[in-house]
C-alpha atoms as a PDB file:
ATOM      1  CA  UNK A   1      16.349 -50.271 -34.515  1.00  0.00           C
ATOM      2  CA  UNK A   2      19.581 -47.708 -35.179  1.00  0.00           C
ATOM      3  CA  UNK A   3      22.815 -48.755 -33.479  1.00  0.00           C
ATOM      4  CA  UNK A   4      25.359 -46.199 -34.623  1.00  0.00           C
ATOM      5  CA  UNK A   5      28.292 -47.658 -32.987  1.00  0.00           C
ATOM      6  CA  UNK A   6      29.505 -49.409 -29.667  1.00  0.00           C
ATOM      7  CA  UNK A   7      29.574 -46.437 -27.179  1.00  0.00           C
ATOM      8  CA  UNK A   8      31.706 -48.449 -24.360  1.00  0.00           C
ATOM      9  CA  UNK A   9      32.925 -51.490 -22.594  1.00  0.00           C
ATOM     10  CA  UNK A  10      32.124 -51.830 -19.211  1.00  0.00           C
ATOM     11  CA  UNK A  11      34.728 -53.335 -17.253  1.00  0.00           C
ATOM     12  CA  UNK A  12      34.691 -54.313 -13.424  1.00  0.00           C
ATOM     13  CA  UNK A  13      37.500 -53.584 -11.439  1.00  0.00           C
ATOM     14  CA  UNK A  14      38.116 -53.379  -7.827  1.00  0.00           C
ATOM     15  CA  UNK A  15      39.932 -50.109  -7.266  1.00  0.00           C
ATOM     16  CA  UNK A  16      40.134 -47.598  -9.349  1.00  0.00           C
ATOM     17  CA  UNK A  17      43.407 -46.355  -8.270  1.00  0.00           C
ATOM     18  CA  UNK A  18      44.773 -49.781  -9.034  1.00  0.00           C
ATOM     19  CA  UNK A  19      43.435 -50.404 -12.442  1.00  0.00           C
ATOM     20  CA  UNK A  20      43.666 -46.851 -13.432  1.00  0.00           C
ATOM     21  CA  UNK A  21      47.776 -47.272 -14.180  1.00  0.00           C
ATOM     22  CA  UNK A  22      47.604 -50.139 -16.121  1.00  0.00           C
ATOM     23  CA  UNK A  23      45.414 -48.476 -18.773  1.00  0.00           C
ATOM     24  CA  UNK A  24      47.609 -45.325 -18.593  1.00  0.00           C
ATOM     25  CA  UNK A  25      51.305 -46.902 -18.481  1.00  0.00           C
ATOM     26  CA  UNK A  26      51.331 -49.712 -19.978  1.00  0.00           C
ATOM     27  CA  UNK A  27      48.169 -49.453 -22.798  1.00  0.00           C
ATOM     28  CA  UNK A  28      49.170 -45.505 -22.864  1.00  0.00           C
ATOM     29  CA  UNK A  29      45.681 -44.577 -22.866  1.00  0.00           C
ATOM     30  CA  UNK A  30      44.768 -41.146 -21.264  1.00  0.00           C
ATOM     31  CA  UNK A  31      42.075 -41.571 -18.564  1.00  0.00           C
ATOM     32  CA  UNK A  32      39.695 -37.916 -19.351  1.00  0.00           C
ATOM     33  CA  UNK A  33      37.303 -38.717 -16.614  1.00  0.00           C
ATOM     34  CA  UNK A  34      36.578 -39.967 -13.284  1.00  0.00           C
ATOM     35  CA  UNK A  35      32.790 -39.490 -12.258  1.00  0.00           C
ATOM     36  CA  UNK A  36      30.276 -41.225  -9.649  1.00  0.00           C
ATOM     37  CA  UNK A  37      26.980 -42.556 -10.402  1.00  0.00           C
ATOM     38  CA  UNK A  38      25.086 -42.374  -6.922  1.00  0.00           C
ATOM     39  CA  UNK A  39      22.083 -43.857  -8.585  1.00  0.00           C
ATOM     40  CA  UNK A  40      24.094 -47.056  -9.917  1.00  0.00           C
ATOM     41  CA  UNK A  41      26.543 -47.294  -6.910  1.00  0.00           C
ATOM     42  CA  UNK A  42      29.511 -46.890  -8.924  1.00  0.00           C
ATOM     43  CA  UNK A  43      32.576 -44.504  -9.283  1.00  0.00           C
ATOM     44  CA  UNK A  44      34.085 -44.654 -13.136  1.00  0.00           C
ATOM     45  CA  UNK A  45      37.110 -43.885 -14.616  1.00  0.00           C
ATOM     46  CA  UNK A  46      36.962 -43.256 -19.036  1.00  0.00           C
ATOM     47  CA  UNK A  47      39.490 -43.704 -21.771  1.00  0.00           C
ATOM     48  CA  UNK A  48      39.222 -43.121 -25.428  1.00  0.00           C
ATOM     49  CA  UNK A  49      39.920 -45.873 -27.931  1.00  0.00           C
ATOM     50  CA  UNK A  50      39.063 -44.595 -31.228  1.00  0.00           C
ATOM     51  CA  UNK A  51      35.523 -43.775 -30.867  1.00  0.00           C
ATOM     52  CA  UNK A  52      35.163 -46.343 -28.298  1.00  0.00           C
ATOM     53  CA  UNK A  53      35.500 -45.702 -24.608  1.00  0.00           C
ATOM     54  CA  UNK A  54      36.580 -48.232 -21.877  1.00  0.00           C
ATOM     55  CA  UNK A  55      34.569 -47.688 -18.272  1.00  0.00           C
ATOM     56  CA  UNK A  56      36.315 -48.659 -15.622  1.00  0.00           C
ATOM     57  CA  UNK A  57      33.739 -49.590 -12.540  1.00  0.00           C
ATOM     58  CA  UNK A  58      34.542 -49.525  -9.300  1.00  0.00           C
ATOM     59  CA  UNK A  59      31.819 -50.316  -6.773  1.00  0.00           C
ATOM     60  CA  UNK A  60      31.153 -47.562  -3.985  1.00  0.00           C
ATOM     61  CA  UNK A  61      28.309 -50.662  -2.795  1.00  0.00           C
ATOM     62  CA  UNK A  62      29.297 -54.138  -2.240  1.00  0.00           C
ATOM     63  CA  UNK A  63      25.374 -54.569  -2.213  1.00  0.00           C
ATOM     64  CA  UNK A  64      25.116 -52.645  -6.105  1.00  0.00           C
ATOM     65  CA  UNK A  65      25.046 -53.829  -9.249  1.00  0.00           C
ATOM     66  CA  UNK A  66      28.703 -53.670  -9.611  1.00  0.00           C
ATOM     67  CA  UNK A  67      29.706 -55.580  -6.529  1.00  0.00           C
ATOM     68  CA  UNK A  68      27.106 -58.511  -6.499  1.00  0.00           C
ATOM     69  CA  UNK A  69      28.983 -58.799 -10.161  1.00  0.00           C
ATOM     70  CA  UNK A  70      32.859 -58.456  -8.655  1.00  0.00           C
ATOM     71  CA  UNK A  71      31.591 -61.251  -5.782  1.00  0.00           C
ATOM     72  CA  UNK A  72      30.240 -63.741  -8.168  1.00  0.00           C
ATOM     73  CA  UNK A  73      32.551 -63.348 -10.976  1.00  0.00           C
ATOM     74  CA  UNK A  74      35.826 -61.449 -10.049  1.00  0.00           C
ATOM     75  CA  UNK A  75      36.952 -58.348 -11.766  1.00  0.00           C
ATOM     76  CA  UNK A  76      36.407 -58.135 -16.031  1.00  0.00           C
ATOM     77  CA  UNK A  77      34.106 -57.629 -18.810  1.00  0.00           C
ATOM     78  CA  UNK A  78      30.760 -56.041 -17.164  1.00  0.00           C
ATOM     79  CA  UNK A  79      28.517 -54.819 -20.231  1.00  0.00           C
ATOM     80  CA  UNK A  80      28.694 -54.138 -23.853  1.00  0.00           C
ATOM     81  CA  UNK A  81      27.448 -50.533 -24.633  1.00  0.00           C
ATOM     82  CA  UNK A  82      25.733 -49.537 -28.108  1.00  0.00           C
ATOM     83  CA  UNK A  83      25.036 -45.863 -29.132  1.00  0.00           C
ATOM     84  CA  UNK A  84      21.307 -45.236 -30.613  1.00  0.00           C
ATOM     85  CA  UNK A  85      19.040 -43.336 -31.845  1.00  0.00           C
ATOM     86  CA  UNK A  86      15.666 -42.979 -30.525  1.00  0.00           C
ATOM     87  CA  UNK A  87      16.690 -44.692 -26.794  1.00  0.00           C
ATOM     88  CA  UNK A  88      12.366 -45.542 -25.798  1.00  0.00           C
ATOM     89  CA  UNK A  89      11.532 -46.583 -29.128  1.00  0.00           C
ATOM     90  CA  UNK A  90      14.116 -48.991 -29.236  1.00  0.00           C
ATOM     91  CA  UNK A  91      13.578 -50.020 -26.048  1.00  0.00           C
ATOM     92  CA  UNK A  92       9.789 -50.263 -27.115  1.00  0.00           C
ATOM     93  CA  UNK A  93      10.682 -52.591 -29.911  1.00  0.00           C
ATOM     94  CA  UNK A  94      13.410 -55.108 -28.458  1.00  0.00           C
ATOM     95  CA  UNK A  95      10.371 -55.568 -25.757  1.00  0.00           C
ATOM     96  CA  UNK A  96       8.064 -56.306 -28.143  1.00  0.00           C
ATOM     97  CA  UNK A  97      10.748 -58.377 -29.613  1.00  0.00           C
ATOM     98  CA  UNK A  98      10.840 -60.620 -26.919  1.00  0.00           C
ATOM     99  CA  UNK A  99      14.179 -59.415 -25.019  1.00  0.00           C
ATOM    100  CA  UNK A 100      13.704 -58.970 -21.239  1.00  0.00           C
ATOM    101  CA  UNK A 101      14.406 -55.538 -20.334  1.00  0.00           C
ATOM    102  CA  UNK A 102      16.036 -54.323 -16.909  1.00  0.00           C
ATOM    103  CA  UNK A 103      15.353 -50.747 -17.197  1.00  0.00           C
ATOM    104  CA  UNK A 104      11.596 -50.361 -19.350  1.00  0.00           C
ATOM    105  CA  UNK A 105      12.219 -46.459 -19.460  1.00  0.00           C
ATOM    106  CA  UNK A 106      16.040 -44.517 -19.975  1.00  0.00           C
ATOM    107  CA  UNK A 107      17.613 -43.071 -17.263  1.00  0.00           C
ATOM    108  CA  UNK A 108      20.495 -41.128 -16.677  1.00  0.00           C
ATOM    109  CA  UNK A 109      23.737 -42.568 -16.832  1.00  0.00           C
ATOM    110  CA  UNK A 110      27.538 -41.559 -16.129  1.00  0.00           C
ATOM    111  CA  UNK A 111      28.513 -38.115 -18.989  1.00  0.00           C
ATOM    112  CA  UNK A 112      25.247 -36.918 -18.912  1.00  0.00           C
ATOM    113  CA  UNK A 113      23.876 -40.260 -21.229  1.00  0.00           C
ATOM    114  CA  UNK A 114      20.607 -41.748 -20.962  1.00  0.00           C
ATOM    115  CA  UNK A 115      20.893 -45.523 -20.591  1.00  0.00           C
ATOM    116  CA  UNK A 116      18.971 -48.661 -20.388  1.00  0.00           C
ATOM    117  CA  UNK A 117      20.056 -52.165 -19.818  1.00  0.00           C
ATOM    118  CA  UNK A 118      19.299 -55.489 -21.521  1.00  0.00           C
ATOM    119  CA  UNK A 119      18.524 -58.810 -19.481  1.00  0.00           C
ATOM    120  CA  UNK A 120      21.537 -60.855 -19.977  1.00  0.00           C
ATOM    121  CA  UNK A 121      19.259 -64.248 -20.105  1.00  0.00           C
ATOM    122  CA  UNK A 122      17.817 -62.534 -23.236  1.00  0.00           C
ATOM    123  CA  UNK A 123      20.895 -61.066 -24.975  1.00  0.00           C
ATOM    124  CA  UNK A 124      22.930 -64.904 -24.957  1.00  0.00           C
ATOM    125  CA  UNK A 125      25.201 -63.941 -21.675  1.00  0.00           C
ATOM    126  CA  UNK A 126      25.969 -60.407 -22.195  1.00  0.00           C
ATOM    127  CA  UNK A 127      24.589 -57.784 -20.261  1.00  0.00           C
ATOM    128  CA  UNK A 128      23.966 -55.031 -22.694  1.00  0.00           C
ATOM    129  CA  UNK A 129      23.706 -51.090 -22.444  1.00  0.00           C
ATOM    130  CA  UNK A 130      21.507 -48.911 -24.404  1.00  0.00           C
ATOM    131  CA  UNK A 131      23.183 -45.609 -24.797  1.00  0.00           C
ATOM    132  CA  UNK A 132      21.858 -41.984 -25.967  1.00  0.00           C
ATOM    133  CA  UNK A 133      23.391 -38.841 -26.182  1.00  0.00           C
ATOM    134  CA  UNK A 134      19.990 -36.459 -25.114  1.00  0.00           C
ATOM    135  CA  UNK A 135      22.309 -33.099 -27.049  1.00  0.00           C
ATOM    136  CA  UNK A 136      22.710 -35.155 -30.131  1.00  0.00           C
END
Protein backbone atom coordinates (compact mmCIF):
# COMPACT_ATOMS: atom_id res chain seq x y z
CA UNK A 1 0.00 0.00 0.00
CA UNK A 2 1.30 3.43 -0.87
CA UNK A 3 -0.36 6.15 1.23
CA UNK A 4 1.22 9.47 0.30
CA UNK A 5 -0.46 11.90 2.70
CA UNK A 6 -3.70 12.82 4.44
CA UNK A 7 -5.73 14.13 1.51
CA UNK A 8 -8.47 15.72 3.58
CA UNK A 9 -10.61 15.58 6.69
CA UNK A 10 -14.32 15.43 6.00
CA UNK A 11 -16.51 17.38 8.41
CA UNK A 12 -20.29 17.04 8.34
CA UNK A 13 -22.16 20.33 8.80
CA UNK A 14 -25.82 21.23 8.66
CA UNK A 15 -25.16 24.31 6.53
CA UNK A 16 -22.19 25.38 4.43
CA UNK A 17 -23.54 28.94 4.55
CA UNK A 18 -23.27 28.91 8.34
CA UNK A 19 -20.00 26.93 8.61
CA UNK A 20 -17.86 28.61 5.93
CA UNK A 21 -17.63 31.96 7.80
CA UNK A 22 -16.11 30.19 10.83
CA UNK A 23 -13.33 28.68 8.73
CA UNK A 24 -12.72 31.97 6.89
CA UNK A 25 -13.28 34.64 9.56
CA UNK A 26 -12.08 32.80 12.66
CA UNK A 27 -9.45 30.37 11.35
CA UNK A 28 -8.33 32.61 8.48
CA UNK A 29 -8.68 29.95 5.79
CA UNK A 30 -10.01 30.62 2.28
CA UNK A 31 -12.77 28.51 0.77
CA UNK A 32 -11.42 27.79 -2.70
CA UNK A 33 -14.19 25.55 -4.06
CA UNK A 34 -17.83 24.65 -3.50
CA UNK A 35 -19.14 21.65 -5.41
CA UNK A 36 -22.20 19.43 -5.40
CA UNK A 37 -21.58 15.69 -5.70
CA UNK A 38 -25.02 14.48 -6.73
CA UNK A 39 -24.24 10.77 -6.46
CA UNK A 40 -23.20 11.19 -2.81
CA UNK A 41 -26.05 13.59 -1.99
CA UNK A 42 -23.72 16.29 -0.66
CA UNK A 43 -22.52 19.78 -1.30
CA UNK A 44 -18.86 20.30 -0.39
CA UNK A 45 -16.66 23.27 0.46
CA UNK A 46 -12.86 23.00 0.49
CA UNK A 47 -10.12 24.77 2.44
CA UNK A 48 -6.36 24.16 2.32
CA UNK A 49 -4.14 23.84 5.39
CA UNK A 50 -0.63 23.13 4.10
CA UNK A 51 -0.87 20.03 1.92
CA UNK A 52 -4.06 18.84 3.67
CA UNK A 53 -7.59 19.94 2.88
CA UNK A 54 -10.67 20.36 5.03
CA UNK A 55 -13.84 19.25 3.25
CA UNK A 56 -17.10 20.49 4.70
CA UNK A 57 -20.04 18.25 3.80
CA UNK A 58 -23.63 19.49 3.71
CA UNK A 59 -26.27 16.87 2.95
CA UNK A 60 -28.59 17.58 0.04
CA UNK A 61 -30.87 14.72 1.11
CA UNK A 62 -31.70 13.71 4.70
CA UNK A 63 -31.62 10.06 3.56
CA UNK A 64 -28.10 10.40 2.13
CA UNK A 65 -25.02 9.22 4.06
CA UNK A 66 -24.15 12.65 5.49
CA UNK A 67 -27.78 13.40 6.31
CA UNK A 68 -28.04 10.16 8.27
CA UNK A 69 -24.68 10.81 9.95
CA UNK A 70 -25.83 14.23 11.19
CA UNK A 71 -29.16 12.82 12.34
CA UNK A 72 -27.42 10.08 14.35
CA UNK A 73 -24.26 11.79 15.55
CA UNK A 74 -24.64 15.50 14.90
CA UNK A 75 -22.16 17.73 13.16
CA UNK A 76 -18.49 16.85 13.35
CA UNK A 77 -15.68 14.81 11.87
CA UNK A 78 -17.18 12.44 9.31
CA UNK A 79 -14.12 10.78 7.75
CA UNK A 80 -10.39 10.87 7.19
CA UNK A 81 -9.15 10.56 3.61
CA UNK A 82 -5.75 9.30 2.56
CA UNK A 83 -4.17 9.89 -0.84
CA UNK A 84 -2.97 6.66 -2.46
CA UNK A 85 -1.28 5.60 -5.62
CA UNK A 86 -2.99 2.59 -7.22
CA UNK A 87 -6.45 2.82 -5.67
CA UNK A 88 -7.84 -0.45 -7.06
CA UNK A 89 -4.72 -2.34 -6.03
CA UNK A 90 -4.97 -0.79 -2.56
CA UNK A 91 -8.61 -1.86 -2.24
CA UNK A 92 -7.71 -5.40 -3.30
CA UNK A 93 -4.87 -5.48 -0.76
CA UNK A 94 -6.94 -4.26 2.20
CA UNK A 95 -9.77 -6.66 1.27
CA UNK A 96 -7.28 -9.54 1.28
CA UNK A 97 -6.29 -8.45 4.79
CA UNK A 98 -9.90 -8.74 5.95
CA UNK A 99 -10.97 -5.10 5.84
CA UNK A 100 -14.63 -4.60 4.98
CA UNK A 101 -15.06 -2.36 1.94
CA UNK A 102 -17.94 -0.01 1.32
CA UNK A 103 -16.69 0.42 -2.25
CA UNK A 104 -15.11 -2.58 -3.96
CA UNK A 105 -14.20 -0.41 -6.93
CA UNK A 106 -13.26 3.27 -7.18
CA UNK A 107 -15.94 5.82 -7.99
CA UNK A 108 -15.85 9.52 -8.81
CA UNK A 109 -15.70 11.97 -5.93
CA UNK A 110 -15.30 15.69 -5.46
CA UNK A 111 -12.47 17.54 -7.21
CA UNK A 112 -12.28 14.84 -9.89
CA UNK A 113 -10.68 12.30 -7.55
CA UNK A 114 -11.33 8.58 -7.70
CA UNK A 115 -12.47 7.49 -4.24
CA UNK A 116 -13.45 4.46 -2.20
CA UNK A 117 -14.51 4.04 1.43
CA UNK A 118 -13.50 1.45 4.01
CA UNK A 119 -16.16 0.45 6.53
CA UNK A 120 -15.65 1.93 10.02
CA UNK A 121 -16.36 -1.46 11.63
CA UNK A 122 -13.03 -2.60 10.12
CA UNK A 123 -11.11 0.61 10.83
CA UNK A 124 -11.61 1.10 14.58
CA UNK A 125 -14.65 3.32 14.17
CA UNK A 126 -13.16 5.75 11.65
CA UNK A 127 -14.82 6.01 8.25
CA UNK A 128 -11.78 5.93 5.97
CA UNK A 129 -11.69 7.24 2.43
CA UNK A 130 -8.95 6.41 -0.05
CA UNK A 131 -8.41 8.93 -2.85
CA UNK A 132 -6.44 8.82 -6.06
CA UNK A 133 -5.85 11.66 -8.48
CA UNK A 134 -6.35 10.10 -11.93
CA UNK A 135 -4.33 12.93 -13.50
CA UNK A 136 -1.09 12.10 -11.70
